């Protein structure tokens, strides 16, 4: 018999659900939640963002990178 792994839910609520806002590629302060020190997209388990907003956050980060609002790497 195969046992299913239990998924832990974060105890803190999603910051976007709490504010009733959406991630926007122009608002770099809201995108800072999903970017690490090395300018990589962080998983939703570490940020505490829900699945719906994590997908939108990743898309907004990629748009900001394409428009050169965010750097792709931390190199200068």
N, C-alpha and C. Protein backbone atom coordinates (compact mmCIF):
# COMPACT_ATOMS: atom_id res chain seq x y z
N UNK A 1 0.84 -1.18 0.00
CA UNK A 1 0.00 0.00 0.00
C UNK A 1 0.88 1.24 0.00
N UNK A 2 0.60 2.16 -0.87
CA UNK A 2 1.38 3.38 -0.99
C UNK A 2 0.77 4.46 -0.12
N UNK A 3 1.61 5.07 0.68
CA UNK A 3 1.14 6.17 1.54
C UNK A 3 1.38 7.49 0.84
N UNK A 4 0.41 8.36 0.95
CA UNK A 4 0.56 9.70 0.38
C UNK A 4 1.29 10.58 1.36
N UNK A 5 2.11 11.46 0.82
CA UNK A 5 2.80 12.42 1.66
C UNK A 5 1.84 13.53 2.04
N UNK A 6 1.89 13.93 3.27
CA UNK A 6 1.07 15.04 3.72
C UNK A 6 1.79 16.34 3.42
N UNK A 7 1.08 17.27 2.87
CA UNK A 7 1.65 18.56 2.53
C UNK A 7 1.37 19.52 3.67
N UNK A 8 2.43 20.15 4.16
CA UNK A 8 2.27 21.13 5.22
C UNK A 8 1.79 22.44 4.64
N UNK A 9 0.83 23.03 5.26
CA UNK A 9 0.40 24.35 4.86
C UNK A 9 1.10 25.37 5.73
N UNK A 10 1.39 26.49 5.14
CA UNK A 10 2.04 27.55 5.88
C UNK A 10 1.07 28.14 6.91
N UNK A 11 1.60 28.47 8.07
CA UNK A 11 0.74 29.03 9.11
C UNK A 11 0.41 30.50 8.85
N UNK A 12 1.26 31.17 8.08
CA UNK A 12 1.00 32.58 7.80
C UNK A 12 0.18 32.72 6.51
N UNK A 13 -0.70 33.68 6.45
CA UNK A 13 -1.54 33.84 5.25
C UNK A 13 -0.73 34.45 4.10
N UNK A 14 -1.25 34.29 2.92
CA UNK A 14 -0.63 34.86 1.73
C UNK A 14 -0.67 36.38 1.83
N UNK A 15 0.47 37.07 1.61
CA UNK A 15 0.47 38.53 1.71
C UNK A 15 -0.44 39.20 0.68
N UNK A 16 -0.59 38.60 -0.48
CA UNK A 16 -1.45 39.20 -1.51
C UNK A 16 -2.93 38.99 -1.18
N UNK A 17 -3.26 37.83 -0.61
CA UNK A 17 -4.65 37.58 -0.20
C UNK A 17 -5.03 38.47 0.98
N UNK A 18 -4.08 38.71 1.89
CA UNK A 18 -4.36 39.54 3.05
C UNK A 18 -4.63 40.99 2.65
N UNK A 19 -3.86 41.50 1.67
CA UNK A 19 -4.03 42.88 1.21
C UNK A 19 -5.10 43.01 0.14
N UNK A 20 -5.56 41.86 -0.40
CA UNK A 20 -6.50 41.82 -1.52
C UNK A 20 -5.93 42.59 -2.71
N UNK A 21 -4.67 42.27 -3.04
CA UNK A 21 -4.01 42.89 -4.18
C UNK A 21 -3.42 41.80 -5.06
N UNK A 22 -2.90 42.21 -6.19
CA UNK A 22 -2.30 41.30 -7.15
C UNK A 22 -0.84 41.70 -7.39
N UNK A 23 0.05 40.75 -7.68
CA UNK A 23 1.42 41.12 -8.02
C UNK A 23 1.46 41.85 -9.35
N UNK A 24 2.20 42.93 -9.40
CA UNK A 24 2.29 43.76 -10.60
C UNK A 24 3.76 43.93 -10.94
N UNK A 25 4.11 43.84 -12.23
CA UNK A 25 5.51 43.91 -12.63
C UNK A 25 6.11 45.30 -12.43
N UNK A 26 5.29 46.31 -12.28
CA UNK A 26 5.79 47.67 -12.07
C UNK A 26 6.13 47.91 -10.60
N UNK A 27 5.39 47.27 -9.71
CA UNK A 27 5.61 47.44 -8.27
C UNK A 27 6.73 46.51 -7.81
N UNK A 28 7.96 47.02 -7.76
CA UNK A 28 9.12 46.20 -7.44
C UNK A 28 9.17 45.81 -5.97
N UNK A 29 8.52 46.56 -5.10
CA UNK A 29 8.49 46.20 -3.68
C UNK A 29 7.68 44.93 -3.45
N UNK A 30 6.59 44.77 -4.19
CA UNK A 30 5.81 43.54 -4.04
C UNK A 30 6.51 42.35 -4.67
N UNK A 31 7.34 42.58 -5.68
CA UNK A 31 8.09 41.50 -6.32
C UNK A 31 9.26 41.03 -5.47
N UNK A 32 9.69 41.86 -4.53
CA UNK A 32 10.83 41.50 -3.68
C UNK A 32 10.52 40.31 -2.79
N UNK A 33 9.25 40.02 -2.58
CA UNK A 33 8.86 38.86 -1.77
C UNK A 33 9.32 37.57 -2.44
N UNK A 34 9.22 37.51 -3.76
CA UNK A 34 9.49 36.28 -4.49
C UNK A 34 10.86 36.15 -5.08
N UNK A 35 11.79 37.05 -4.73
CA UNK A 35 13.14 37.01 -5.29
C UNK A 35 14.15 36.85 -4.17
N UNK A 36 15.12 35.93 -4.37
CA UNK A 36 16.14 35.69 -3.35
C UNK A 36 17.28 36.70 -3.50
N UNK A 37 18.32 36.56 -2.66
CA UNK A 37 19.47 37.45 -2.74
C UNK A 37 20.23 37.28 -4.05
N UNK A 38 20.16 36.09 -4.62
CA UNK A 38 20.83 35.82 -5.89
C UNK A 38 19.93 36.12 -7.09
N UNK A 39 18.82 36.80 -6.84
CA UNK A 39 17.86 37.23 -7.87
C UNK A 39 17.18 36.05 -8.56
N UNK A 40 16.97 34.97 -7.83
CA UNK A 40 16.25 33.82 -8.35
C UNK A 40 14.84 33.80 -7.75
N UNK A 41 13.90 33.22 -8.48
CA UNK A 41 12.53 33.13 -8.00
C UNK A 41 12.47 32.07 -6.89
N UNK A 42 11.90 32.45 -5.76
CA UNK A 42 11.83 31.58 -4.59
C UNK A 42 10.53 30.79 -4.63
N UNK A 43 10.56 29.57 -4.09
CA UNK A 43 9.37 28.73 -4.08
C UNK A 43 8.31 29.29 -3.14
N UNK A 44 7.10 28.84 -3.35
CA UNK A 44 6.00 29.36 -2.55
C UNK A 44 6.01 28.82 -1.13
N UNK A 45 6.74 27.75 -0.88
CA UNK A 45 6.84 27.19 0.47
C UNK A 45 7.67 28.09 1.37
N UNK A 46 8.64 28.77 0.82
CA UNK A 46 9.48 29.65 1.63
C UNK A 46 8.88 31.05 1.77
N UNK A 47 8.11 31.48 0.77
CA UNK A 47 7.55 32.83 0.82
C UNK A 47 6.19 32.87 1.52
N UNK A 48 5.46 31.77 1.51
CA UNK A 48 4.14 31.75 2.12
C UNK A 48 3.05 32.29 1.22
N UNK A 49 3.31 32.35 -0.08
CA UNK A 49 2.34 32.85 -1.04
C UNK A 49 1.50 31.66 -1.52
N UNK A 50 0.22 31.88 -1.74
CA UNK A 50 -0.65 30.80 -2.21
C UNK A 50 -0.31 30.45 -3.67
N UNK A 51 -0.85 29.33 -4.13
CA UNK A 51 -0.51 28.83 -5.45
C UNK A 51 -0.92 29.79 -6.57
N UNK A 52 -2.10 30.34 -6.46
CA UNK A 52 -2.60 31.27 -7.48
C UNK A 52 -1.70 32.48 -7.60
N UNK A 53 -1.34 33.07 -6.46
CA UNK A 53 -0.51 34.27 -6.51
C UNK A 53 0.95 33.95 -6.82
N UNK A 54 1.42 32.73 -6.53
CA UNK A 54 2.79 32.37 -6.88
C UNK A 54 2.96 32.33 -8.40
N UNK A 55 1.97 31.79 -9.10
CA UNK A 55 2.05 31.76 -10.56
C UNK A 55 2.04 33.17 -11.14
N UNK A 56 1.19 34.02 -10.59
CA UNK A 56 1.13 35.41 -11.07
C UNK A 56 2.38 36.19 -10.68
N UNK A 57 2.95 35.88 -9.52
CA UNK A 57 4.17 36.54 -9.07
C UNK A 57 5.34 36.17 -9.97
N UNK A 58 5.46 34.89 -10.32
CA UNK A 58 6.53 34.45 -11.20
C UNK A 58 6.41 35.10 -12.57
N UNK A 59 5.19 35.20 -13.07
CA UNK A 59 4.97 35.84 -14.36
C UNK A 59 5.33 37.33 -14.31
N UNK A 60 5.00 37.99 -13.22
CA UNK A 60 5.32 39.41 -13.07
C UNK A 60 6.83 39.62 -12.96
N UNK A 61 7.53 38.72 -12.26
CA UNK A 61 8.99 38.82 -12.14
C UNK A 61 9.63 38.65 -13.51
N UNK A 62 9.14 37.70 -14.29
CA UNK A 62 9.69 37.47 -15.63
C UNK A 62 9.44 38.66 -16.55
N UNK A 63 8.28 39.29 -16.42
CA UNK A 63 8.00 40.49 -17.22
C UNK A 63 8.91 41.64 -16.82
N UNK A 64 9.13 41.80 -15.51
CA UNK A 64 10.01 42.88 -15.04
C UNK A 64 11.44 42.65 -15.50
N UNK A 65 11.88 41.40 -15.54
CA UNK A 65 13.22 41.09 -16.05
C UNK A 65 13.32 41.40 -17.53
N UNK A 66 12.28 41.06 -18.28
CA UNK A 66 12.28 41.31 -19.72
C UNK A 66 12.35 42.80 -20.03
N UNK A 67 11.70 43.60 -19.20
CA UNK A 67 11.72 45.05 -19.40
C UNK A 67 12.91 45.72 -18.71
N UNK A 68 13.81 44.92 -18.14
CA UNK A 68 15.02 45.39 -17.45
C UNK A 68 14.71 46.22 -16.21
N UNK A 69 13.60 45.95 -15.56
CA UNK A 69 13.29 46.59 -14.29
C UNK A 69 13.95 45.83 -13.15
N UNK A 70 14.12 44.52 -13.31
CA UNK A 70 14.81 43.66 -12.35
C UNK A 70 16.00 43.01 -13.04
N UNK A 71 17.12 42.83 -12.34
CA UNK A 71 18.24 42.14 -12.96
C UNK A 71 17.97 40.62 -13.02
N UNK A 72 18.57 39.97 -13.99
CA UNK A 72 18.42 38.53 -14.12
C UNK A 72 19.32 37.81 -13.13
N UNK A 73 20.54 38.32 -12.94
CA UNK A 73 21.47 37.75 -11.96
C UNK A 73 21.97 38.85 -11.06
N UNK A 74 22.73 38.48 -10.03
CA UNK A 74 23.25 39.47 -9.11
C UNK A 74 24.61 40.01 -9.55
N UNK A 75 25.10 39.60 -10.69
CA UNK A 75 26.37 40.12 -11.20
C UNK A 75 26.22 41.56 -11.68
N UNK A 76 27.30 42.29 -11.59
CA UNK A 76 27.27 43.70 -12.00
C UNK A 76 27.84 43.88 -13.37
